[in-house]
């Protein structure tokens, strides 16, 4: 299938599909005229990529751990491959630090508005 059909079936733009390819996440075959040809397995792979992106993982991290992704009845899950747990813990810690900073900013805003 061509890029337009994959885009329609996955809800991902053709531009995003090309970005996934440029990042090494998706490797469609090429016809003699240069057109991309996607397999049915690529639909699953795009779903896995989207799930990992929505969980806050960047394409470099996804590339390292995409083979750990499994698609089941309840969506995409990650099998704990070597080093993956440490990577996810690091991401979670960075998010916690950002959340604490946001809470502090909210507290300061409340102080400013209470003073007025």
PDB file of N, CA and C in Angstrom:
ATOM      1  N   UNK A   1       0.851  -1.175   0.000  1.00  0.00           N
ATOM      2  CA  UNK A   1       0.000   0.000   0.000  1.00  0.00           C
ATOM      3  C   UNK A   1       0.894   1.234   0.000  1.00  0.00           C
ATOM      4  N   UNK A   2       0.369   2.316  -0.502  1.00  0.00           N
ATOM      5  CA  UNK A   2       1.118   3.557  -0.632  1.00  0.00           C
ATOM      6  C   UNK A   2       0.934   4.422   0.614  1.00  0.00           C
ATOM      7  N   UNK A   3       1.729   5.474   0.689  1.00  0.00           N
ATOM      8  CA  UNK A   3       1.780   6.321   1.877  1.00  0.00           C
ATOM      9  C   UNK A   3       0.419   6.938   2.223  1.00  0.00           C
ATOM     10  N   UNK A   4      -0.354   7.311   1.213  1.00  0.00           N
ATOM     11  CA  UNK A   4      -1.662   7.902   1.477  1.00  0.00           C
ATOM     12  C   UNK A   4      -2.609   6.939   2.164  1.00  0.00           C
ATOM     13  N   UNK A   5      -2.569   5.682   1.777  1.00  0.00           N
ATOM     14  CA  UNK A   5      -3.431   4.674   2.400  1.00  0.00           C
ATOM     15  C   UNK A   5      -2.989   4.413   3.842  1.00  0.00           C
ATOM     16  N   UNK A   6      -1.686   4.344   4.067  1.00  0.00           N
ATOM     17  CA  UNK A   6      -1.186   4.142   5.428  1.00  0.00           C
ATOM     18  C   UNK A   6      -1.577   5.329   6.304  1.00  0.00           C
ATOM     19  N   UNK A   7      -1.446   6.525   5.764  1.00  0.00           N
ATOM     20  CA  UNK A   7      -1.834   7.722   6.505  1.00  0.00           C
ATOM     21  C   UNK A   7      -3.319   7.669   6.875  1.00  0.00           C
ATOM     22  N   UNK A   8      -4.151   7.288   5.924  1.00  0.00           N
ATOM     23  CA  UNK A   8      -5.591   7.211   6.180  1.00  0.00           C
ATOM     24  C   UNK A   8      -5.922   6.133   7.214  1.00  0.00           C
ATOM     25  N   UNK A   9      -5.289   5.007   7.113  1.00  0.00           N
ATOM     26  CA  UNK A   9      -5.588   3.891   8.019  1.00  0.00           C
ATOM     27  C   UNK A   9      -5.063   4.100   9.427  1.00  0.00           C
ATOM     28  N   UNK A  10      -3.982   4.862   9.563  1.00  0.00           N
ATOM     29  CA  UNK A  10      -3.374   5.039  10.883  1.00  0.00           C
ATOM     30  C   UNK A  10      -3.711   6.369  11.534  1.00  0.00           C
ATOM     31  N   UNK A  11      -4.209   7.316  10.755  1.00  0.00           N
ATOM     32  CA  UNK A  11      -4.468   8.646  11.300  1.00  0.00           C
ATOM     33  C   UNK A  11      -3.206   9.469  11.470  1.00  0.00           C
ATOM     34  N   UNK A  12      -2.136   9.043  10.822  1.00  0.00           N
ATOM     35  CA  UNK A  12      -0.851   9.741  10.884  1.00  0.00           C
ATOM     36  C   UNK A  12      -0.636  10.405   9.531  1.00  0.00           C
ATOM     37  N   UNK A  13      -0.158  11.620   9.541  1.00  0.00           N
ATOM     38  CA  UNK A  13       0.053  12.327   8.276  1.00  0.00           C
ATOM     39  C   UNK A  13       1.177  11.674   7.478  1.00  0.00           C
ATOM     40  N   UNK A  14       1.148  11.895   6.171  1.00  0.00           N
ATOM     41  CA  UNK A  14       2.226  11.395   5.311  1.00  0.00           C
ATOM     42  C   UNK A  14       3.549  12.015   5.735  1.00  0.00           C
ATOM     43  N   UNK A  15       3.510  13.257   6.157  1.00  0.00           N
ATOM     44  CA  UNK A  15       4.733  13.931   6.622  1.00  0.00           C
ATOM     45  C   UNK A  15       5.305  13.203   7.834  1.00  0.00           C
ATOM     46  N   UNK A  16       4.453  12.819   8.783  1.00  0.00           N
ATOM     47  CA  UNK A  16       4.923  12.088   9.963  1.00  0.00           C
ATOM     48  C   UNK A  16       5.488  10.730   9.565  1.00  0.00           C
ATOM     49  N   UNK A  17       4.853  10.065   8.615  1.00  0.00           N
ATOM     50  CA  UNK A  17       5.366   8.775   8.151  1.00  0.00           C
ATOM     51  C   UNK A  17       6.753   8.929   7.542  1.00  0.00           C
ATOM     52  N   UNK A  18       6.942   9.995   6.777  1.00  0.00           N
ATOM     53  CA  UNK A  18       8.269  10.250   6.210  1.00  0.00           C
ATOM     54  C   UNK A  18       9.288  10.549   7.320  1.00  0.00           C
ATOM     55  N   UNK A  19       8.851  11.259   8.363  1.00  0.00           N
ATOM     56  CA  UNK A  19       9.724  11.537   9.505  1.00  0.00           C
ATOM     57  C   UNK A  19      10.103  10.228  10.207  1.00  0.00           C
ATOM     58  N   UNK A  20       9.141   9.344  10.399  1.00  0.00           N
ATOM     59  CA  UNK A  20       9.441   8.040  11.008  1.00  0.00           C
ATOM     60  C   UNK A  20      10.470   7.293  10.163  1.00  0.00           C
ATOM     61  N   UNK A  21      10.333   7.393   8.858  1.00  0.00           N
ATOM     62  CA  UNK A  21      11.291   6.741   7.966  1.00  0.00           C
ATOM     63  C   UNK A  21      12.669   7.393   8.099  1.00  0.00           C
ATOM     64  N   UNK A  22      12.715   8.712   8.098  1.00  0.00           N
ATOM     65  CA  UNK A  22      13.986   9.427   8.243  1.00  0.00           C
ATOM     66  C   UNK A  22      14.668   9.102   9.574  1.00  0.00           C
ATOM     67  N   UNK A  23      13.861   8.818  10.610  1.00  0.00           N
ATOM     68  CA  UNK A  23      14.379   8.483  11.932  1.00  0.00           C
ATOM     69  C   UNK A  23      14.771   7.014  12.056  1.00  0.00           C
ATOM     70  N   UNK A  24      14.489   6.240  11.024  1.00  0.00           N
ATOM     71  CA  UNK A  24      14.824   4.816  11.049  1.00  0.00           C
ATOM     72  C   UNK A  24      13.814   3.957  11.775  1.00  0.00           C
ATOM     73  N   UNK A  25      12.642   4.514  12.061  1.00  0.00           N
ATOM     74  CA  UNK A  25      11.603   3.769  12.764  1.00  0.00           C
ATOM     75  C   UNK A  25      10.751   2.924  11.831  1.00  0.00           C
ATOM     76  N   UNK A  26      10.656   3.340  10.614  1.00  0.00           N
ATOM     77  CA  UNK A  26       9.808   2.694   9.623  1.00  0.00           C
ATOM     78  C   UNK A  26      10.637   2.541   8.356  1.00  0.00           C
ATOM     79  N   UNK A  27      10.625   1.353   7.777  1.00  0.00           N
ATOM     80  CA  UNK A  27      11.455   1.110   6.599  1.00  0.00           C
ATOM     81  C   UNK A  27      10.596   0.481   5.497  1.00  0.00           C
ATOM     82  N   UNK A  28       9.858   1.318   4.765  1.00  0.00           N
ATOM     83  CA  UNK A  28       9.050   0.768   3.672  1.00  0.00           C
ATOM     84  C   UNK A  28       9.937   0.358   2.502  1.00  0.00           C
ATOM     85  N   UNK A  29       9.423  -0.552   1.712  1.00  0.00           N
ATOM     86  CA  UNK A  29      10.140  -0.904   0.489  1.00  0.00           C
ATOM     87  C   UNK A  29       9.966   0.232  -0.497  1.00  0.00           C
ATOM     88  N   UNK A  30      10.804   0.233  -1.528  1.00  0.00           N
ATOM     89  CA  UNK A  30      10.701   1.252  -2.573  1.00  0.00           C
ATOM     90  C   UNK A  30      10.490   0.573  -3.916  1.00  0.00           C
ATOM     91  N   UNK A  31       9.574   1.137  -4.683  1.00  0.00           N
ATOM     92  CA  UNK A  31       9.352   0.661  -6.043  1.00  0.00           C
ATOM     93  C   UNK A  31      10.435   1.269  -6.941  1.00  0.00           C
ATOM     94  N   UNK A  32      10.524   0.800  -8.164  1.00  0.00           N
ATOM     95  CA  UNK A  32      11.503   1.317  -9.108  1.00  0.00           C
ATOM     96  C   UNK A  32      11.376   2.810  -9.336  1.00  0.00           C
ATOM     97  N   UNK A  33      10.158   3.342  -9.222  1.00  0.00           N
ATOM     98  CA  UNK A  33       9.938   4.767  -9.427  1.00  0.00           C
ATOM     99  C   UNK A  33      10.159   5.591  -8.153  1.00  0.00           C
ATOM    100  N   UNK A  34      10.588   4.926  -7.061  1.00  0.00           N
ATOM    101  CA  UNK A  34      10.875   5.630  -5.816  1.00  0.00           C
ATOM    102  C   UNK A  34       9.704   5.699  -4.852  1.00  0.00           C
ATOM    103  N   UNK A  35       8.523   5.265  -5.267  1.00  0.00           N
ATOM    104  CA  UNK A  35       7.357   5.294  -4.380  1.00  0.00           C
ATOM    105  C   UNK A  35       7.563   4.307  -3.231  1.00  0.00           C
ATOM    106  N   UNK A  36       7.100   4.718  -2.064  1.00  0.00           N
ATOM    107  CA  UNK A  36       7.161   3.839  -0.904  1.00  0.00           C
ATOM    108  C   UNK A  36       6.029   2.812  -0.991  1.00  0.00           C
ATOM    109  N   UNK A  37       6.344   1.595  -0.572  1.00  0.00           N
ATOM    110  CA  UNK A  37       5.338   0.539  -0.508  1.00  0.00           C
ATOM    111  C   UNK A  37       5.377  -0.036   0.904  1.00  0.00           C
ATOM    112  N   UNK A  38       4.247   0.079   1.595  1.00  0.00           N
ATOM    113  CA  UNK A  38       4.153  -0.367   2.984  1.00  0.00           C
ATOM    114  C   UNK A  38       3.469  -1.723   3.060  1.00  0.00           C
ATOM    115  N   UNK A  39       3.878  -2.501   4.049  1.00  0.00           N
ATOM    116  CA  UNK A  39       3.270  -3.800   4.314  1.00  0.00           C
ATOM    117  C   UNK A  39       2.237  -3.650   5.429  1.00  0.00           C
ATOM    118  N   UNK A  40       1.419  -4.653   5.603  1.00  0.00           N
ATOM    119  CA  UNK A  40       0.421  -4.648   6.676  1.00  0.00           C
ATOM    120  C   UNK A  40       1.105  -4.511   8.040  1.00  0.00           C
ATOM    121  N   UNK A  41       2.274  -5.105   8.200  1.00  0.00           N
ATOM    122  CA  UNK A  41       3.006  -5.013   9.469  1.00  0.00           C
ATOM    123  C   UNK A  41       3.380  -3.574   9.802  1.00  0.00           C
ATOM    124  N   UNK A  42       3.514  -2.728   8.791  1.00  0.00           N
ATOM    125  CA  UNK A  42       3.845  -1.323   9.034  1.00  0.00           C
ATOM    126  C   UNK A  42       2.702  -0.588   9.730  1.00  0.00           C
ATOM    127  N   UNK A  43       1.480  -1.031   9.514  1.00  0.00           N
ATOM    128  CA  UNK A  43       0.324  -0.430  10.207  1.00  0.00           C
ATOM    129  C   UNK A  43       0.481  -0.654  11.712  1.00  0.00           C
ATOM    130  N   UNK A  44       0.857  -1.865  12.089  1.00  0.00           N
ATOM    131  CA  UNK A  44       1.074  -2.191  13.502  1.00  0.00           C
ATOM    132  C   UNK A  44       2.240  -1.375  14.053  1.00  0.00           C
ATOM    133  N   UNK A  45       3.302  -1.289  13.282  1.00  0.00           N
ATOM    134  CA  UNK A  45       4.483  -0.552  13.722  1.00  0.00           C
ATOM    135  C   UNK A  45       4.142   0.922  13.948  1.00  0.00           C
ATOM    136  N   UNK A  46       3.342   1.521  13.073  1.00  0.00           N
ATOM    137  CA  UNK A  46       2.940   2.922  13.250  1.00  0.00           C
ATOM    138  C   UNK A  46       2.131   3.069  14.535  1.00  0.00           C
ATOM    139  N   UNK A  47       1.248   2.118  14.827  1.00  0.00           N
ATOM    140  CA  UNK A  47       0.474   2.168  16.078  1.00  0.00           C
ATOM    141  C   UNK A  47       1.407   2.115  17.284  1.00  0.00           C
ATOM    142  N   UNK A  48       2.433   1.280  17.206  1.00  0.00           N
ATOM    143  CA  UNK A  48       3.399   1.186  18.299  1.00  0.00           C
ATOM    144  C   UNK A  48       4.173   2.492  18.451  1.00  0.00           C
ATOM    145  N   UNK A  49       4.603   3.052  17.353  1.00  0.00           N
ATOM    146  CA  UNK A  49       5.338   4.325  17.380  1.00  0.00           C
ATOM    147  C   UNK A  49       4.466   5.415  17.995  1.00  0.00           C
ATOM    148  N   UNK A  50       3.227   5.501  17.553  1.00  0.00           N
ATOM    149  CA  UNK A  50       2.313   6.535  18.086  1.00  0.00           C
ATOM    150  C   UNK A  50       2.100   6.375  19.578  1.00  0.00           C
ATOM    151  N   UNK A  51       1.937   5.123  20.031  1.00  0.00           N
ATOM    152  CA  UNK A  51       1.732   4.879  21.465  1.00  0.00           C
ATOM    153  C   UNK A  51       2.948   5.310  22.269  1.00  0.00           C
ATOM    154  N   UNK A  52       4.127   5.031  21.747  1.00  0.00           N
ATOM    155  CA  UNK A  52       5.345   5.393  22.459  1.00  0.00           C
ATOM    156  C   UNK A  52       5.553   6.905  22.460  1.00  0.00           C
ATOM    157  N   UNK A  53       5.240   7.571  21.353  1.00  0.00           N
ATOM    158  CA  UNK A  53       5.334   9.031  21.300  1.00  0.00           C
ATOM    159  C   UNK A  53       4.355   9.657  22.285  1.00  0.00           C
ATOM    160  N   UNK A  54       3.128   9.128  22.336  1.00  0.00           N
ATOM    161  CA  UNK A  54       2.127   9.697  23.245  1.00  0.00           C
ATOM    162  C   UNK A  54       2.499   9.473  24.709  1.00  0.00           C
ATOM    163  N   UNK A  55       3.385   8.503  24.970  1.00  0.00           N
ATOM    164  CA  UNK A  55       3.863   8.262  26.333  1.00  0.00           C
ATOM    165  C   UNK A  55       5.071   9.137  26.668  1.00  0.00           C
ATOM    166  N   UNK A  56       5.461  10.007  25.726  1.00  0.00           N
ATOM    167  CA  UNK A  56       6.529  10.946  25.998  1.00  0.00           C
ATOM    168  C   UNK A  56       7.910  10.524  25.530  1.00  0.00           C
ATOM    169  N   UNK A  57       7.984   9.440  24.777  1.00  0.00           N
ATOM    170  CA  UNK A  57       9.285   8.978  24.289  1.00  0.00           C
ATOM    171  C   UNK A  57       9.615   9.672  22.977  1.00  0.00           C
ATOM    172  N   UNK A  58      10.849  10.083  22.826  1.00  0.00           N
ATOM    173  CA  UNK A  58      11.310  10.698  21.591  1.00  0.00           C
ATOM    174  C   UNK A  58      11.706   9.637  20.577  1.00  0.00           C
ATOM    175  N   UNK A  59      11.888  10.064  19.345  1.00  0.00           N
ATOM    176  CA  UNK A  59      12.173   9.099  18.289  1.00  0.00           C
ATOM    177  C   UNK A  59      13.497   8.368  18.499  1.00  0.00           C
ATOM    178  N   UNK A  60      14.492   9.017  19.104  1.00  0.00           N
ATOM    179  CA  UNK A  60      15.765   8.333  19.350  1.00  0.00           C
ATOM    180  C   UNK A  60      15.582   7.197  20.354  1.00  0.00           C
ATOM    181  N   UNK A  61      14.803   7.442  21.398  1.00  0.00           N
ATOM    182  CA  UNK A  61      14.523   6.405  22.393  1.00  0.00           C
ATOM    183  C   UNK A  61      13.668   5.305  21.759  1.00  0.00           C
ATOM    184  N   UNK A  62      12.672   5.715  20.992  1.00  0.00           N
ATOM    185  CA  UNK A  62      11.805   4.735  20.339  1.00  0.00           C
ATOM    186  C   UNK A  62      12.628   3.824  19.433  1.00  0.00           C
ATOM    187  N   UNK A  63      13.559   4.399  18.717  1.00  0.00           N
ATOM    188  CA  UNK A  63      14.386   3.588  17.807  1.00  0.00           C
ATOM    189  C   UNK A  63      15.138   2.507  18.577  1.00  0.00           C
ATOM    190  N   UNK A  64      15.645   2.857  19.764  1.00  0.00           N
ATOM    191  CA  UNK A  64      16.398   1.881  20.558  1.00  0.00           C
ATOM    192  C   UNK A  64      15.507   0.766  21.088  1.00  0.00           C
ATOM    193  N   UNK A  65      14.229   1.070  21.377  1.00  0.00           N
ATOM    194  CA  UNK A  65      13.392   0.115  22.078  1.00  0.00           C
ATOM    195  C   UNK A  65      12.147  -0.335  21.316  1.00  0.00           C
ATOM    196  N   UNK A  66      12.029   0.025  20.058  1.00  0.00           N
ATOM    197  CA  UNK A  66      10.831  -0.330  19.296  1.00  0.00           C
ATOM    198  C   UNK A  66      10.634  -1.837  19.217  1.00  0.00           C
ATOM    199  N   UNK A  67      11.720  -2.582  19.197  1.00  0.00           N
ATOM    200  CA  UNK A  67      11.595  -4.039  19.154  1.00  0.00           C
ATOM    201  C   UNK A  67      11.035  -4.610  20.456  1.00  0.00           C
ATOM    202  N   UNK A  68      10.969  -3.804  21.504  1.00  0.00           N
ATOM    203  CA  UNK A  68      10.397  -4.233  22.781  1.00  0.00           C
ATOM    204  C   UNK A  68       8.882  -4.020  22.825  1.00  0.00           C
ATOM    205  N   UNK A  69       8.356  -3.296  21.838  1.00  0.00           N
ATOM    206  CA  UNK A  69       6.918  -2.975  21.821  1.00  0.00           C
ATOM    207  C   UNK A  69       6.115  -4.193  21.382  1.00  0.00           C
ATOM    208  N   UNK A  70       5.007  -4.398  22.048  1.00  0.00           N
ATOM    209  CA  UNK A  70       4.082  -5.484  21.712  1.00  0.00           C
ATOM    210  C   UNK A  70       2.687  -4.888  21.575  1.00  0.00           C
ATOM    211  N   UNK A  71       1.961  -5.322  20.580  1.00  0.00           N
ATOM    212  CA  UNK A  71       0.594  -4.859  20.389  1.00  0.00           C
ATOM    213  C   UNK A  71      -0.344  -5.983  20.801  1.00  0.00           C
ATOM    214  N   UNK A  72      -1.165  -5.721  21.819  1.00  0.00           N
ATOM    215  CA  UNK A  72      -2.085  -6.729  22.328  1.00  0.00           C
ATOM    216  C   UNK A  72      -3.510  -6.234  22.296  1.00  0.00           C
ATOM    217  N   UNK A  73      -4.361  -6.942  23.005  1.00  0.00           N
ATOM    218  CA  UNK A  73      -5.786  -6.598  23.050  1.00  0.00           C
ATOM    219  C   UNK A  73      -6.029  -5.222  23.665  1.00  0.00           C
ATOM    220  N   UNK A  74      -5.123  -4.775  24.519  1.00  0.00           N
ATOM    221  CA  UNK A  74      -5.303  -3.496  25.219  1.00  0.00           C
ATOM    222  C   UNK A  74      -4.345  -2.429  24.713  1.00  0.00           C
ATOM    223  N   UNK A  75      -3.876  -2.566  23.484  1.00  0.00           N
ATOM    224  CA  UNK A  75      -2.998  -1.571  22.892  1.00  0.00           C
ATOM    225  C   UNK A  75      -1.540  -1.983  22.972  1.00  0.00           C
ATOM    226  N   UNK A  76      -0.682  -1.003  22.884  1.00  0.00           N
ATOM    227  CA  UNK A  76       0.754  -1.256  22.879  1.00  0.00           C
ATOM    228  C   UNK A  76       1.288  -1.317  24.302  1.00  0.00           C
ATOM    229  N   UNK A  77       2.144  -2.280  24.539  1.00  0.00           N
ATOM    230  CA  UNK A  77       2.846  -2.377  25.814  1.00  0.00           C
ATOM    231  C   UNK A  77       4.320  -2.610  25.506  1.00  0.00           C
ATOM    232  N   UNK A  78       5.147  -2.429  26.518  1.00  0.00           N
ATOM    233  CA  UNK A  78       6.587  -2.612  26.336  1.00  0.00           C
ATOM    234  C   UNK A  78       7.064  -3.789  27.168  1.00  0.00           C
ATOM    235  N   UNK A  79       7.746  -4.688  26.514  1.00  0.00           N
ATOM    236  CA  UNK A  79       8.422  -5.775  27.209  1.00  0.00           C
ATOM    237  C   UNK A  79       9.699  -5.159  27.775  1.00  0.00           C
ATOM    238  N   UNK A  80      10.019  -5.441  29.004  1.00  0.00           N
ATOM    239  CA  UNK A  80      11.168  -4.803  29.625  1.00  0.00           C
ATOM    240  C   UNK A  80      12.469  -5.396  29.095  1.00  0.00           C
ATOM    241  N   UNK A  81      12.920  -4.831  27.994  1.00  0.00           N
ATOM    242  CA  UNK A  81      14.183  -5.206  27.381  1.00  0.00           C
ATOM    243  C   UNK A  81      15.324  -4.633  28.228  1.00  0.00           C
ATOM    244  N   UNK A  82      16.541  -5.138  28.038  1.00  0.00           N
ATOM    245  CA  UNK A  82      17.672  -4.583  28.797  1.00  0.00           C
ATOM    246  C   UNK A  82      17.762  -3.061  28.621  1.00  0.00           C
ATOM    247  N   UNK A  83      18.020  -2.394  29.686  1.00  0.00           N
ATOM    248  CA  UNK A  83      18.208  -0.938  29.755  1.00  0.00           C
ATOM    249  C   UNK A  83      16.912  -0.132  29.610  1.00  0.00           C
ATOM    250  N   UNK A  84      15.848  -0.751  29.195  1.00  0.00           N
ATOM    251  CA  UNK A  84      14.598  -0.011  29.010  1.00  0.00           C
ATOM    252  C   UNK A  84      14.068   0.511  30.334  1.00  0.00           C
ATOM    253  N   UNK A  85      14.100  -0.285  31.387  1.00  0.00           N
ATOM    254  CA  UNK A  85      13.592   0.155  32.693  1.00  0.00           C
ATOM    255  C   UNK A  85      14.330   1.406  33.145  1.00  0.00           C
ATOM    256  N   UNK A  86      15.640   1.425  33.019  1.00  0.00           N
ATOM    257  CA  UNK A  86      16.420   2.601  33.431  1.00  0.00           C
ATOM    258  C   UNK A  86      16.030   3.826  32.609  1.00  0.00           C
ATOM    259  N   UNK A  87      15.813   3.640  31.317  1.00  0.00           N
ATOM    260  CA  UNK A  87      15.419   4.743  30.438  1.00  0.00           C
ATOM    261  C   UNK A  87      14.055   5.301  30.856  1.00  0.00           C
ATOM    262  N   UNK A  88      13.098   4.419  31.123  1.00  0.00           N
ATOM    263  CA  UNK A  88      11.757   4.856  31.525  1.00  0.00           C
ATOM    264  C   UNK A  88      11.789   5.526  32.900  1.00  0.00           C
ATOM    265  N   UNK A  89      12.595   4.990  33.822  1.00  0.00           N
ATOM    266  CA  UNK A  89      12.726   5.615  35.139  1.00  0.00           C
ATOM    267  C   UNK A  89      13.318   7.015  35.020  1.00  0.00           C
ATOM    268  N   UNK A  90      14.272   7.186  34.125  1.00  0.00           N
ATOM    269  CA  UNK A  90      14.881   8.495  33.903  1.00  0.00           C
ATOM    270  C   UNK A  90      13.858   9.491  33.366  1.00  0.00           C
ATOM    271  N   UNK A  91      13.044   9.049  32.437  1.00  0.00           N
ATOM    272  CA  UNK A  91      11.991   9.914  31.876  1.00  0.00           C
ATOM    273  C   UNK A  91      10.989  10.281  32.964  1.00  0.00           C
ATOM    274  N   UNK A  92      10.603   9.297  33.766  1.00  0.00           N
ATOM    275  CA  UNK A  92       9.650   9.552  34.852  1.00  0.00           C
ATOM    276  C   UNK A  92      10.218  10.553  35.853  1.00  0.00           C
ATOM    277  N   UNK A  93      11.501  10.450  36.151  1.00  0.00           N
ATOM    278  CA  UNK A  93      12.135  11.386  37.089  1.00  0.00           C
ATOM    279  C   UNK A  93      12.149  12.801  36.523  1.00  0.00           C
ATOM    280  N   UNK A  94      12.472  12.932  35.234  1.00  0.00           N
ATOM    281  CA  UNK A  94      12.449  14.261  34.609  1.00  0.00           C
ATOM    282  C   UNK A  94      11.040  14.857  34.656  1.00  0.00           C
ATOM    283  N   UNK A  95      10.033  14.027  34.436  1.00  0.00           N
ATOM    284  CA  UNK A  95       8.650  14.514  34.512  1.00  0.00           C
ATOM    285  C   UNK A  95       8.305  14.962  35.930  1.00  0.00           C
ATOM    286  N   UNK A  96       8.764  14.226  36.923  1.00  0.00           N
ATOM    287  CA  UNK A  96       8.501  14.603  38.318  1.00  0.00           C
ATOM    288  C   UNK A  96       9.132  15.950  38.649  1.00  0.00           C
ATOM    289  N   UNK A  97      10.340  16.176  38.173  1.00  0.00           N
ATOM    290  CA  UNK A  97      11.015  17.456  38.404  1.00  0.00           C
ATOM    291  C   UNK A  97      10.229  18.589  37.741  1.00  0.00           C
ATOM    292  N   UNK A  98       9.772  18.357  36.510  1.00  0.00           N
ATOM    293  CA  UNK A  98       8.982  19.376  35.807  1.00  0.00           C
ATOM    294  C   UNK A  98       7.669  19.641  36.531  1.00  0.00           C
ATOM    295  N   UNK A  99       7.020  18.584  37.031  1.00  0.00           N
ATOM    296  CA  UNK A  99       5.766  18.767  37.761  1.00  0.00           C
ATOM    297  C   UNK A  99       5.983  19.585  39.028  1.00  0.00           C
ATOM    298  N   UNK A 100       7.065  19.315  39.729  1.00  0.00           N
ATOM    299  CA  UNK A 100       7.373  20.085  40.942  1.00  0.00           C
ATOM    300  C   UNK A 100       7.603  21.553  40.601  1.00  0.00           C
ATOM    301  N   UNK A 101       8.289  21.816  39.516  1.00  0.00           N
ATOM    302  CA  UNK A 101       8.524  23.200  39.091  1.00  0.00           C
ATOM    303  C   UNK A 101       7.208  23.885  38.733  1.00  0.00           C
ATOM    304  N   UNK A 102       6.316  23.163  38.059  1.00  0.00           N
ATOM    305  CA  UNK A 102       5.006  23.740  37.721  1.00  0.00           C
ATOM    306  C   UNK A 102       4.184  24.026  38.973  1.00  0.00           C
ATOM    307  N   UNK A 103       4.219  23.110  39.943  1.00  0.00           N
ATOM    308  CA  UNK A 103       3.487  23.350  41.196  1.00  0.00           C
ATOM    309  C   UNK A 103       4.029  24.590  41.902  1.00  0.00           C
ATOM    310  N   UNK A 104       5.349  24.772  41.884  1.00  0.00           N
ATOM    311  CA  UNK A 104       5.955  25.948  42.509  1.00  0.00           C
ATOM    312  C   UNK A 104       5.527  27.223  41.779  1.00  0.00           C
ATOM    313  N   UNK A 105       5.484  27.171  40.467  1.00  0.00           N
ATOM    314  CA  UNK A 105       5.028  28.327  39.685  1.00  0.00           C
ATOM    315  C   UNK A 105       3.570  28.647  40.006  1.00  0.00           C
ATOM    316  N   UNK A 106       2.733  27.621  40.109  1.00  0.00           N
ATOM    317  CA  UNK A 106       1.331  27.845  40.472  1.00  0.00           C
ATOM    318  C   UNK A 106       1.215  28.463  41.863  1.00  0.00           C
ATOM    319  N   UNK A 107       2.021  27.999  42.799  1.00  0.00           N
ATOM    320  CA  UNK A 107       1.999  28.552  44.152  1.00  0.00           C
ATOM    321  C   UNK A 107       2.363  30.034  44.128  1.00  0.00           C
ATOM    322  N   UNK A 108       3.390  30.387  43.352  1.00  0.00           N
ATOM    323  CA  UNK A 108       3.805  31.788  43.260  1.00  0.00           C
ATOM    324  C   UNK A 108       2.731  32.647  42.606  1.00  0.00           C
ATOM    325  N   UNK A 109       2.059  32.103  41.608  1.00  0.00           N
ATOM    326  CA  UNK A 109       0.956  32.841  40.979  1.00  0.00           C
ATOM    327  C   UNK A 109      -0.175  33.082  41.976  1.00  0.00           C
ATOM    328  N   UNK A 110      -0.484  32.072  42.785  1.00  0.00           N
ATOM    329  CA  UNK A 110      -1.534  32.240  43.796  1.00  0.00           C
ATOM    330  C   UNK A 110      -1.147  33.314  44.803  1.00  0.00           C
ATOM    331  N   UNK A 111       0.126  33.338  45.174  1.00  0.00           N
ATOM    332  CA  UNK A 111       0.602  34.368  46.110  1.00  0.00           C
ATOM    333  C   UNK A 111       0.447  35.761  45.504  1.00  0.00           C
ATOM    334  N   UNK A 112       0.786  35.889  44.217  1.00  0.00           N
ATOM    335  CA  UNK A 112       0.655  37.197  43.566  1.00  0.00           C
ATOM    336  C   UNK A 112      -0.787  37.652  43.474  1.00  0.00           C
ATOM    337  N   UNK A 113      -1.674  36.742  43.153  1.00  0.00           N
ATOM    338  CA  UNK A 113      -3.085  37.130  43.011  1.00  0.00           C
ATOM    339  C   UNK A 113      -3.742  37.339  44.373  1.00  0.00           C
ATOM    340  N   UNK A 114      -3.278  36.645  45.395  1.00  0.00           N
ATOM    341  CA  UNK A 114      -3.842  36.829  46.744  1.00  0.00           C
ATOM    342  C   UNK A 114      -3.442  38.159  47.325  1.00  0.00           C
ATOM    343  N   UNK A 115      -2.265  38.655  46.934  1.00  0.00           N
ATOM    344  CA  UNK A 115      -1.769  39.915  47.479  1.00  0.00           C
ATOM    345  C   UNK A 115      -2.546  41.117  46.927  1.00  0.00           C
ATOM    346  N   UNK A 116      -3.199  40.913  45.767  1.00  0.00           N
ATOM    347  CA  UNK A 116      -3.893  42.037  45.114  1.00  0.00           C
ATOM    348  C   UNK A 116      -5.268  42.119  45.556  1.00  0.00           C
TER     349      UNK A 116
END
